Amino acid sequence: MKVYGKNVVKEILHKPKTIKKAYIYENFKDEEILKELKNEKVPCKFLDKRGLDNIEEGNHQGIIIEIDDYNYCPLDKLLSREIIVILDHLEDPHNFGAIIRTCEAAGINSIIIPKDRTVKVNATVMKTSAGTLENVDICMVTNLVNTIKILKDNNFWIIGTDMEGTNYRKLDYKGKIAIVIGNEGKGLSRLVEDNCDFIAKIPMRGKVNSLNASVAAALVIYEAVINR
């Protein structure tokens, strides 16, 4: 997998992850990154801007690295955590990356995603998460409903987010909880919603009837963290 951006590269350099190769702009000025790559004996290829753009069209900031594919963690590793965020078939990698960044900032290190019909960890997700992905465990599961039942068996309360429900500021967030964020367009899938213990609603006072998924996630996540 190829990832890019200075913050992403710096974060990966601080972790024991194998970097197979680096593609660097010929006038790259970040001496810290260059020194670390040299210390790690990473093979580097210096290119002009067109050469880098041919490898990756995103905002690579003059550096692209090739690493192993992302290693998803097993569900068992998360069962002792206090707060888990579940993404119900999110499709936008920018939303995924932003939610990862919010989770890390709020001290939450556990996210669950389904295997099918969802965005996976890719270069855009890593770039949008601004390097924080290295501090958050992502678990990929085959079936969200079965996973929710396992979480309930391990004393988790499941809190979904939707346009109809209880004001998110009036819910009890104490104990072990899993916060479910729905798809950008469709919201929570029916079976997932049916298996939630509570539904959190963010009141809308303007003319729009919903918020961006990552914004809604941030509001509920911080409400949960603050009121524990």
C-alpha atoms as a PDB file:
ATOM      1  CA  MET A   1       0.000   0.000   0.000  1.00  0.00           C
ATOM      2  CA  LYS A   2       1.239   3.499  -0.860  1.00  0.00           C
ATOM      3  CA  VAL A   3       0.579   6.333   1.597  1.00  0.00           C
ATOM      4  CA  TYR A   4       1.619   9.950   1.492  1.00  0.00           C
ATOM      5  CA  GLY A   5       1.921  13.225   3.385  1.00  0.00           C
ATOM      6  CA  LYS A   6       4.499  14.482   5.873  1.00  0.00           C
ATOM      7  CA  ASN A   7       2.468  13.793   9.036  1.00  0.00           C
ATOM      8  CA  VAL A   8       1.639  10.260   7.949  1.00  0.00           C
ATOM      9  CA  VAL A   9       5.270   9.499   7.132  1.00  0.00           C
ATOM     10  CA  LYS A  10       6.530  10.968  10.419  1.00  0.00           C
ATOM     11  CA  GLU A  11       4.065   8.889  12.409  1.00  0.00           C
ATOM     12  CA  ILE A  12       4.957   5.690  10.576  1.00  0.00           C
ATOM     13  CA  LEU A  13       8.662   6.351  11.093  1.00  0.00           C
ATOM     14  CA  HIS A  14       8.032   6.347  14.848  1.00  0.00           C
ATOM     15  CA  LYS A  15       6.478   2.889  14.738  1.00  0.00           C
ATOM     16  CA  PRO A  16       8.023  -0.521  13.967  1.00  0.00           C
ATOM     17  CA  LYS A  17       6.400  -0.726  10.539  1.00  0.00           C
ATOM     18  CA  THR A  18       8.340  -1.868   7.510  1.00  0.00           C
ATOM     19  CA  ILE A  19       8.722   0.836   4.875  1.00  0.00           C
ATOM     20  CA  LYS A  20       9.564  -0.857   1.610  1.00  0.00           C
ATOM     21  CA  LYS A  21      10.409   2.219  -0.450  1.00  0.00           C
ATOM     22  CA  ALA A  22      10.115   6.006  -0.472  1.00  0.00           C
ATOM     23  CA  TYR A  23       9.406   8.266  -3.461  1.00  0.00           C
ATOM     24  CA  ILE A  24      10.589  11.794  -2.721  1.00  0.00           C
ATOM     25  CA  TYR A  25      10.408  15.123  -4.521  1.00  0.00           C
ATOM     26  CA  GLU A  26      13.866  16.086  -5.761  1.00  0.00           C
ATOM     27  CA  ASN A  27      13.735  19.401  -3.843  1.00  0.00           C
ATOM     28  CA  PHE A  28      12.203  17.972  -0.661  1.00  0.00           C
ATOM     29  CA  LYS A  29      13.216  20.165   2.298  1.00  0.00           C
ATOM     30  CA  ASP A  30      12.184  18.247   5.433  1.00  0.00           C
ATOM     31  CA  GLU A  31      15.573  17.250   6.841  1.00  0.00           C
ATOM     32  CA  GLU A  32      14.026  15.365   9.771  1.00  0.00           C
ATOM     33  CA  ILE A  33      12.203  12.941   7.491  1.00  0.00           C
ATOM     34  CA  LEU A  34      15.211  12.523   5.211  1.00  0.00           C
ATOM     35  CA  LYS A  35      17.438  11.761   8.189  1.00  0.00           C
ATOM     36  CA  GLU A  36      14.999   9.180   9.583  1.00  0.00           C
ATOM     37  CA  LEU A  37      14.656   7.461   6.220  1.00  0.00           C
ATOM     38  CA  LYS A  38      18.423   7.291   5.965  1.00  0.00           C
ATOM     39  CA  ASN A  39      18.730   5.904   9.498  1.00  0.00           C
ATOM     40  CA  GLU A  40      16.141   3.236   8.700  1.00  0.00           C
ATOM     41  CA  LYS A  41      17.991   2.446   5.467  1.00  0.00           C
ATOM     42  CA  VAL A  42      14.850   2.897   3.403  1.00  0.00           C
ATOM     43  CA  PRO A  43      15.431   2.742  -0.376  1.00  0.00           C
ATOM     44  CA  CYS A  44      14.639   6.222  -1.727  1.00  0.00           C
ATOM     45  CA  LYS A  45      13.891   7.334  -5.257  1.00  0.00           C
ATOM     46  CA  PHE A  46      13.989  11.076  -5.987  1.00  0.00           C
ATOM     47  CA  LEU A  47      11.587  12.324  -8.653  1.00  0.00           C
ATOM     48  CA  ASP A  48      10.296  15.561 -10.129  1.00  0.00           C
ATOM     49  CA  LYS A  49       6.726  16.669  -9.400  1.00  0.00           C
ATOM     50  CA  ARG A  50       5.305  14.963 -12.488  1.00  0.00           C
ATOM     51  CA  GLY A  51       6.929  11.699 -11.473  1.00  0.00           C
ATOM     52  CA  LEU A  52       5.328  11.868  -8.014  1.00  0.00           C
ATOM     53  CA  ASP A  53       1.954  12.877  -9.431  1.00  0.00           C
ATOM     54  CA  ASN A  54       2.042   9.819 -11.690  1.00  0.00           C
ATOM     55  CA  ILE A  55       2.340   7.647  -8.587  1.00  0.00           C
ATOM     56  CA  GLU A  56      -0.272   9.426  -6.462  1.00  0.00           C
ATOM     57  CA  GLU A  57      -2.695  12.159  -7.482  1.00  0.00           C
ATOM     58  CA  GLY A  58      -3.494  13.238  -3.911  1.00  0.00           C
ATOM     59  CA  ASN A  59      -1.776  16.013  -1.972  1.00  0.00           C
ATOM     60  CA  HIS A  60       1.389  14.024  -1.325  1.00  0.00           C
ATOM     61  CA  GLN A  61       3.421  17.021  -0.034  1.00  0.00           C
ATOM     62  CA  GLY A  62       6.489  15.743  -1.842  1.00  0.00           C
ATOM     63  CA  ILE A  63       6.727  12.286  -0.278  1.00  0.00           C
ATOM     64  CA  ILE A  64       5.099   8.914  -0.900  1.00  0.00           C
ATOM     65  CA  ILE A  65       6.051   5.707   0.901  1.00  0.00           C
ATOM     66  CA  GLU A  66       5.247   2.095   0.173  1.00  0.00           C
ATOM     67  CA  ILE A  67       4.333   0.051   3.247  1.00  0.00           C
ATOM     68  CA  ASP A  68       2.691  -3.245   4.123  1.00  0.00           C
ATOM     69  CA  ASP A  69      -1.095  -3.347   3.851  1.00  0.00           C
ATOM     70  CA  TYR A  70      -2.905  -2.231   7.003  1.00  0.00           C
ATOM     71  CA  ASN A  71      -3.106  -4.910   9.697  1.00  0.00           C
ATOM     72  CA  TYR A  72      -6.624  -4.988  11.156  1.00  0.00           C
ATOM     73  CA  CYS A  73      -6.867  -6.088  14.773  1.00  0.00           C
ATOM     74  CA  PRO A  74      -9.049  -8.963  16.081  1.00  0.00           C
ATOM     75  CA  LEU A  75     -12.315  -8.204  17.862  1.00  0.00           C
ATOM     76  CA  ASP A  76     -11.143  -9.950  21.044  1.00  0.00           C
ATOM     77  CA  LYS A  77      -8.545  -7.223  21.536  1.00  0.00           C
ATOM     78  CA  LEU A  78     -11.275  -4.576  21.873  1.00  0.00           C
ATOM     79  CA  LEU A  79     -13.606  -6.320  24.313  1.00  0.00           C
ATOM     80  CA  SER A  80     -11.854  -4.927  27.390  1.00  0.00           C
ATOM     81  CA  ARG A  81     -12.005  -1.320  26.129  1.00  0.00           C
ATOM     82  CA  GLU A  82     -14.443   1.227  27.583  1.00  0.00           C
ATOM     83  CA  ILE A  83     -15.584   2.985  24.387  1.00  0.00           C
ATOM     84  CA  ILE A  84     -15.756   1.584  20.853  1.00  0.00           C
ATOM     85  CA  VAL A  85     -16.909   3.403  17.723  1.00  0.00           C
ATOM     86  CA  ILE A  86     -18.709   1.328  15.073  1.00  0.00           C
ATOM     87  CA  LEU A  87     -19.022   2.622  11.503  1.00  0.00           C
ATOM     88  CA  ASP A  88     -22.098   1.223   9.749  1.00  0.00           C
ATOM     89  CA  HIS A  89     -20.982   1.048   6.093  1.00  0.00           C
ATOM     90  CA  LEU A  90     -19.325   4.442   5.799  1.00  0.00           C
ATOM     91  CA  GLU A  91     -18.318   5.173   2.196  1.00  0.00           C
ATOM     92  CA  ASP A  92     -16.276   8.394   2.241  1.00  0.00           C
ATOM     93  CA  PRO A  93     -12.577   7.946   3.107  1.00  0.00           C
ATOM     94  CA  HIS A  94     -12.403  11.584   4.252  1.00  0.00           C
ATOM     95  CA  ASN A  95     -15.158  10.939   6.806  1.00  0.00           C
ATOM     96  CA  PHE A  96     -13.399   7.766   7.941  1.00  0.00           C
ATOM     97  CA  GLY A  97     -10.093   9.579   8.354  1.00  0.00           C
ATOM     98  CA  ALA A  98     -11.722  12.474  10.198  1.00  0.00           C
ATOM     99  CA  ILE A  99     -13.478  10.090  12.615  1.00  0.00           C
ATOM    100  CA  ILE A 100     -10.195   8.292  13.303  1.00  0.00           C
ATOM    101  CA  ARG A 101      -8.605  11.650  14.097  1.00  0.00           C
ATOM    102  CA  THR A 102     -11.481  12.611  16.409  1.00  0.00           C
ATOM    103  CA  CYS A 103     -11.306   9.265  18.218  1.00  0.00           C
ATOM    104  CA  GLU A 104      -7.586   9.589  18.807  1.00  0.00           C
ATOM    105  CA  ALA A 105      -7.944  13.180  20.027  1.00  0.00           C
ATOM    106  CA  ALA A 106     -10.692  12.090  22.443  1.00  0.00           C
ATOM    107  CA  GLY A 107      -8.628   9.181  23.763  1.00  0.00           C
ATOM    108  CA  ILE A 108     -10.634   6.448  22.022  1.00  0.00           C
ATOM    109  CA  ASN A 109      -8.500   3.791  20.360  1.00  0.00           C
ATOM    110  CA  SER A 110     -11.072   1.308  19.042  1.00  0.00           C
ATOM    111  CA  ILE A 111     -13.073   1.370  15.790  1.00  0.00           C
ATOM    112  CA  ILE A 112     -15.044  -1.428  14.141  1.00  0.00           C
ATOM    113  CA  ILE A 113     -15.945  -1.500  10.444  1.00  0.00           C
ATOM    114  CA  PRO A 114     -17.738  -4.151   8.342  1.00  0.00           C
ATOM    115  CA  LYS A 115     -15.925  -6.134   5.681  1.00  0.00           C
ATOM    116  CA  ASP A 116     -18.303  -5.392   2.796  1.00  0.00           C
ATOM    117  CA  ARG A 117     -19.761  -2.225   1.251  1.00  0.00           C
ATOM    118  CA  THR A 118     -17.564   0.128   3.218  1.00  0.00           C
ATOM    119  CA  VAL A 119     -14.430   2.204   2.850  1.00  0.00           C
ATOM    120  CA  LYS A 120     -11.272   0.408   3.960  1.00  0.00           C
ATOM    121  CA  VAL A 121      -8.039   1.841   5.339  1.00  0.00           C
ATOM    122  CA  ASN A 122      -6.312   3.387   2.331  1.00  0.00           C
ATOM    123  CA  ALA A 123      -3.974   6.260   1.508  1.00  0.00           C
ATOM    124  CA  THR A 124      -6.730   8.890   1.686  1.00  0.00           C
ATOM    125  CA  VAL A 125      -7.871   7.632   5.081  1.00  0.00           C
ATOM    126  CA  MET A 126      -4.336   7.719   6.412  1.00  0.00           C
ATOM    127  CA  LYS A 127      -3.736  11.217   5.045  1.00  0.00           C
ATOM    128  CA  THR A 128      -7.022  12.591   6.424  1.00  0.00           C
ATOM    129  CA  SER A 129      -6.390  11.034   9.820  1.00  0.00           C
ATOM    130  CA  ALA A 130      -3.147  13.068   9.951  1.00  0.00           C
ATOM    131  CA  GLY A 131      -1.044  10.175  11.202  1.00  0.00           C
ATOM    132  CA  THR A 132      -3.320   9.322  14.146  1.00  0.00           C
ATOM    133  CA  LEU A 133      -4.255   5.958  12.615  1.00  0.00           C
ATOM    134  CA  GLU A 134      -1.088   4.532  14.137  1.00  0.00           C
ATOM    135  CA  ASN A 135      -2.635   5.052  17.591  1.00  0.00           C
ATOM    136  CA  VAL A 136      -6.084   3.598  16.885  1.00  0.00           C
ATOM    137  CA  ASP A 137      -6.980  -0.081  16.448  1.00  0.00           C
ATOM    138  CA  ILE A 138      -9.294  -0.799  13.510  1.00  0.00           C
ATOM    139  CA  CYS A 139     -11.187  -4.097  13.547  1.00  0.00           C
ATOM    140  CA  MET A 140     -12.873  -5.427  10.419  1.00  0.00           C
ATOM    141  CA  VAL A 141     -15.770  -7.841  10.988  1.00  0.00           C
ATOM    142  CA  THR A 142     -17.926  -9.969   8.684  1.00  0.00           C
ATOM    143  CA  ASN A 143     -21.274  -9.117  10.287  1.00  0.00           C
ATOM    144  CA  LEU A 144     -22.041  -5.989  12.320  1.00  0.00           C
ATOM    145  CA  VAL A 145     -25.192  -7.387  13.945  1.00  0.00           C
ATOM    146  CA  ASN A 146     -23.378 -10.485  15.207  1.00  0.00           C
ATOM    147  CA  THR A 147     -20.565  -8.256  16.435  1.00  0.00           C
ATOM    148  CA  ILE A 148     -23.012  -6.054  18.332  1.00  0.00           C
ATOM    149  CA  LYS A 149     -24.431  -9.168  20.023  1.00  0.00           C
ATOM    150  CA  ILE A 150     -20.905 -10.170  21.082  1.00  0.00           C
ATOM    151  CA  LEU A 151     -20.346  -6.683  22.479  1.00  0.00           C
ATOM    152  CA  LYS A 152     -23.606  -6.916  24.437  1.00  0.00           C
ATOM    153  CA  ASP A 153     -22.487 -10.260  25.860  1.00  0.00           C
ATOM    154  CA  ASN A 154     -19.397  -8.399  27.074  1.00  0.00           C
ATOM    155  CA  ASN A 155     -21.442  -5.737  28.889  1.00  0.00           C
ATOM    156  CA  PHE A 156     -21.466  -3.023  26.231  1.00  0.00           C
ATOM    157  CA  TRP A 157     -24.418  -0.679  25.759  1.00  0.00           C
ATOM    158  CA  ILE A 158     -24.983   0.083  22.084  1.00  0.00           C
ATOM    159  CA  ILE A 159     -25.795   3.698  21.185  1.00  0.00           C
ATOM    160  CA  GLY A 160     -26.843   4.376  17.600  1.00  0.00           C
ATOM    161  CA  THR A 161     -27.037   7.807  16.001  1.00  0.00           C
ATOM    162  CA  ASP A 162     -29.988   8.866  13.862  1.00  0.00           C
ATOM    163  CA  MET A 163     -32.377  11.751  13.150  1.00  0.00           C
ATOM    164  CA  GLU A 164     -35.039  10.256  15.440  1.00  0.00           C
ATOM    165  CA  GLY A 165     -34.259   9.352  19.023  1.00  0.00           C
ATOM    166  CA  THR A 166     -33.251  10.873  22.362  1.00  0.00           C
ATOM    167  CA  ASN A 167     -31.307  14.128  22.539  1.00  0.00           C
ATOM    168  CA  TYR A 168     -27.673  12.998  22.615  1.00  0.00           C
ATOM    169  CA  ARG A 169     -26.989  15.258  25.607  1.00  0.00           C
ATOM    170  CA  LYS A 170     -29.572  13.460  27.731  1.00  0.00           C
ATOM    171  CA  LEU A 171     -28.211   9.922  27.391  1.00  0.00           C
ATOM    172  CA  ASP A 172     -26.227   8.077  30.049  1.00  0.00           C
ATOM    173  CA  TYR A 173     -22.737   7.317  28.708  1.00  0.00           C
ATOM    174  CA  LYS A 174     -21.396   5.555  31.797  1.00  0.00           C
ATOM    175  CA  GLY A 175     -20.171   1.984  31.568  1.00  0.00           C
ATOM    176  CA  LYS A 176     -18.854   0.216  28.486  1.00  0.00           C
ATOM    177  CA  ILE A 177     -20.419   1.686  25.347  1.00  0.00           C
ATOM    178  CA  ALA A 178     -20.257   1.320  21.576  1.00  0.00           C
ATOM    179  CA  ILE A 179     -21.295   4.336  19.490  1.00  0.00           C
ATOM    180  CA  VAL A 180     -22.646   3.464  16.032  1.00  0.00           C
ATOM    181  CA  ILE A 181     -22.287   5.997  13.200  1.00  0.00           C
ATOM    182  CA  GLY A 182     -24.480   5.366  10.157  1.00  0.00           C
ATOM    183  CA  ASN A 183     -23.864   5.608   6.432  1.00  0.00           C
ATOM    184  CA  GLU A 184     -23.575   9.127   4.986  1.00  0.00           C
ATOM    185  CA  GLY A 185     -26.789   8.870   2.963  1.00  0.00           C
ATOM    186  CA  LYS A 186     -28.837   6.027   4.425  1.00  0.00           C
ATOM    187  CA  GLY A 187     -27.983   6.322   8.113  1.00  0.00           C
ATOM    188  CA  LEU A 188     -28.117   3.204  10.257  1.00  0.00           C
ATOM    189  CA  SER A 189     -29.044  -0.046   8.540  1.00  0.00           C
ATOM    190  CA  ARG A 190     -32.321  -1.468   9.844  1.00  0.00           C
ATOM    191  CA  LEU A 191     -30.934  -4.542  11.593  1.00  0.00           C
ATOM    192  CA  VAL A 192     -28.155  -2.542  13.222  1.00  0.00           C
ATOM    193  CA  GLU A 193     -30.652   0.038  14.480  1.00  0.00           C
ATOM    194  CA  ASP A 194     -32.935  -2.721  15.797  1.00  0.00           C
ATOM    195  CA  ASN A 195     -30.055  -4.037  17.895  1.00  0.00           C
ATOM    196  CA  CYS A 196     -29.120  -0.690  19.441  1.00  0.00           C
ATOM    197  CA  ASP A 197     -30.064  -0.093  23.079  1.00  0.00           C
ATOM    198  CA  PHE A 198     -30.450   3.654  22.570  1.00  0.00           C
ATOM    199  CA  ILE A 199     -30.647   6.050  19.630  1.00  0.00           C
ATOM    200  CA  ALA A 200     -28.938   9.434  20.012  1.00  0.00           C
ATOM    201  CA  LYS A 201     -30.382  12.379  18.098  1.00  0.00           C
ATOM    202  CA  ILE A 202     -28.572  15.645  17.456  1.00  0.00           C
ATOM    203  CA  PRO A 203     -31.231  18.409  17.389  1.00  0.00           C
ATOM    204  CA  MET A 204     -31.284  20.462  14.187  1.00  0.00           C
ATOM    205  CA  ARG A 205     -32.242  24.123  14.593  1.00  0.00           C
ATOM    206  CA  GLY A 206     -31.508  25.337  11.073  1.00  0.00           C
ATOM    207  CA  LYS A 207     -32.872  24.356   7.707  1.00  0.00           C
ATOM    208  CA  VAL A 208     -30.621  21.322   7.187  1.00  0.00           C
ATOM    209  CA  ASN A 209     -31.921  18.038   8.565  1.00  0.00           C
ATOM    210  CA  SER A 210     -28.620  16.250   9.180  1.00  0.00           C
ATOM    211  CA  LEU A 211     -24.907  16.739   9.754  1.00  0.00           C
ATOM    212  CA  ASN A 212     -21.884  15.323   7.985  1.00  0.00           C
ATOM    213  CA  ALA A 213     -21.111  11.872   9.437  1.00  0.00           C
ATOM    214  CA  SER A 214     -17.743  12.907  10.864  1.00  0.00           C
ATOM    215  CA  VAL A 215     -19.217  16.043  12.482  1.00  0.00           C
ATOM    216  CA  ALA A 216     -22.066  14.083  14.065  1.00  0.00           C
ATOM    217  CA  ALA A 217     -19.588  11.482  15.272  1.00  0.00           C
ATOM    218  CA  ALA A 218     -17.408  14.159  16.878  1.00  0.00           C
ATOM    219  CA  LEU A 219     -20.320  15.645  18.822  1.00  0.00           C
ATOM    220  CA  VAL A 220     -21.492  12.311  20.234  1.00  0.00           C
ATOM    221  CA  ILE A 221     -17.976  11.034  20.913  1.00  0.00           C
ATOM    222  CA  TYR A 222     -17.005  14.080  22.953  1.00  0.00           C
ATOM    223  CA  GLU A 223     -20.343  14.091  24.793  1.00  0.00           C
ATOM    224  CA  ALA A 224     -19.667  10.475  25.773  1.00  0.00           C
ATOM    225  CA  VAL A 225     -16.067  11.128  26.838  1.00  0.00           C
ATOM    226  CA  ILE A 226     -16.905  14.216  28.882  1.00  0.00           C
ATOM    227  CA  ASN A 227     -19.886  12.693  30.683  1.00  0.00           C
ATOM    228  CA  ARG A 228     -18.423   9.457  31.985  1.00  0.00           C
END
